[in-house]
Amino acid sequence: MATRHARPGEVVDLATWGDELPGAHSKTIAKQTHMELARIVLRAGESWEAHRVDGPLVFQCLSGRFRFRVGSEDRLLTAGQLLYLQGGEVHAVHAQTDATALLTILFT
């Protein structure tokens, strides 16, 4: 099944976006040449290994609790908090509880 992206101007319910794909951990909401927007879902204990992206990103915690490692420093994110990183910064993400986030990446 092809991934459906939101249309410009479409209202997106972040609580349910991607639920039509059972077992999916995250789903891209919109992707264009210079931007990607995704709903991220990680279960308690799941992680993304250290990596980097070329452009700046915003990681906004919608529910649960994430430990976000930037370089050698840990930052805790809970619902309603966000973290902005410049492009090229090495980071890793760990879900301390079942958690969801909104990820926005700007590609340079």
Protein backbone atom coordinates (compact mmCIF):
# COMPACT_ATOMS: atom_id res chain seq x y z
CA MET A 1 0.00 0.00 0.00
CA ALA A 2 1.35 3.44 -0.92
CA THR A 3 1.92 5.92 1.87
CA ARG A 4 -0.71 8.63 1.84
CA HIS A 5 0.55 12.11 2.62
CA ALA A 6 -1.59 14.99 3.79
CA ARG A 7 -2.73 17.43 1.15
CA PRO A 8 -1.90 21.11 1.60
CA GLY A 9 -4.69 22.64 3.67
CA GLU A 10 -5.85 19.27 5.06
CA VAL A 11 -6.50 19.11 8.81
CA VAL A 12 -4.40 16.31 10.32
CA ASP A 13 -5.40 14.62 13.60
CA LEU A 14 -2.02 13.77 15.15
CA ALA A 15 -3.69 11.40 17.63
CA THR A 16 -4.74 9.03 14.85
CA TRP A 17 -2.57 9.77 11.79
CA GLY A 18 -1.06 6.50 10.59
CA ASP A 19 -3.41 4.21 12.52
CA GLU A 20 -4.49 2.56 9.25
CA LEU A 21 -1.09 0.85 9.20
CA PRO A 22 -1.19 -1.64 12.08
CA GLY A 23 2.11 -1.93 13.90
CA ALA A 24 3.59 1.15 12.23
CA HIS A 25 5.84 3.13 14.54
CA SER A 26 5.78 6.36 12.62
CA LYS A 27 4.32 7.80 9.46
CA THR A 28 5.23 10.64 7.19
CA ILE A 29 2.48 13.25 7.12
CA ALA A 30 3.94 15.38 4.33
CA LYS A 31 7.16 15.35 2.36
CA GLN A 32 8.46 17.84 -0.15
CA THR A 33 11.87 18.58 -1.57
CA HIS A 34 12.88 20.80 1.35
CA MET A 35 10.70 19.53 4.22
CA GLU A 36 9.45 16.39 5.91
CA LEU A 37 6.75 16.26 8.59
CA ALA A 38 6.15 12.98 10.45
CA ARG A 39 4.23 11.58 13.40
CA ILE A 40 6.67 9.50 15.43
CA VAL A 41 5.50 6.66 17.67
CA LEU A 42 7.94 4.81 19.91
CA ARG A 43 7.00 2.24 22.53
CA ALA A 44 8.61 2.36 25.98
CA GLY A 45 12.23 1.25 25.66
CA GLU A 46 12.50 1.76 21.89
CA SER A 47 15.29 3.96 20.55
CA TRP A 48 16.73 5.58 17.46
CA GLU A 49 20.49 5.16 17.35
CA ALA A 50 22.74 8.22 17.09
CA HIS A 51 22.48 9.86 13.69
CA ARG A 52 22.36 13.29 12.06
CA VAL A 53 20.35 15.04 9.37
CA ASP A 54 21.68 17.77 7.11
CA GLY A 55 19.04 20.38 7.85
CA PRO A 56 17.52 21.81 11.02
CA LEU A 57 14.83 19.85 12.83
CA VAL A 58 12.13 20.33 15.43
CA PHE A 59 11.08 17.37 17.61
CA GLN A 60 7.86 18.13 19.52
CA CYS A 61 6.71 15.66 22.18
CA LEU A 62 2.95 15.12 21.93
CA SER A 63 2.58 12.42 24.60
CA GLY A 64 4.74 10.35 26.90
CA ARG A 65 8.39 11.02 27.69
CA PHE A 66 11.51 10.95 25.49
CA ARG A 67 15.18 11.11 26.41
CA PHE A 68 16.87 13.02 23.60
CA ARG A 69 20.66 12.82 23.50
CA VAL A 70 22.42 15.68 21.71
CA GLY A 71 26.15 15.09 21.50
CA SER A 72 26.97 13.88 25.01
CA GLU A 73 24.09 15.62 26.81
CA ASP A 74 20.66 14.16 27.62
CA ARG A 75 17.50 16.24 27.53
CA LEU A 76 14.10 15.04 28.71
CA LEU A 77 11.03 15.95 26.69
CA THR A 78 7.45 15.57 27.91
CA ALA A 79 4.13 16.44 26.28
CA GLY A 80 4.04 20.02 25.11
CA GLN A 81 7.81 20.46 24.95
CA LEU A 82 9.97 20.65 21.84
CA LEU A 83 13.61 20.61 20.92
CA TYR A 84 15.17 22.47 17.98
CA LEU A 85 18.48 21.31 16.49
CA GLN A 86 20.65 22.79 13.81
CA GLY A 87 21.53 20.61 10.84
CA GLY A 88 24.37 18.17 11.32
CA GLU A 89 24.01 17.75 15.10
CA VAL A 90 24.41 14.13 16.21
CA HIS A 91 21.39 13.01 18.22
CA ALA A 92 19.63 9.89 19.49
CA VAL A 93 16.12 9.37 20.85
CA HIS A 94 14.89 6.93 23.51
CA ALA A 95 11.25 6.53 24.60
CA GLN A 96 11.07 6.26 28.38
CA THR A 97 7.34 5.59 28.11
CA ASP A 98 5.04 4.93 25.16
CA ALA A 99 5.38 8.26 23.40
CA THR A 100 4.47 10.20 20.28
CA ALA A 101 6.10 13.22 18.67
CA LEU A 102 5.81 15.52 15.70
CA LEU A 103 9.07 15.70 13.74
CA THR A 104 9.78 18.46 11.25
CA ILE A 105 12.98 18.36 9.19
CA LEU A 106 14.05 21.11 6.81
CA PHE A 107 16.40 19.87 4.10
CA THR A 108 19.10 22.24 2.94
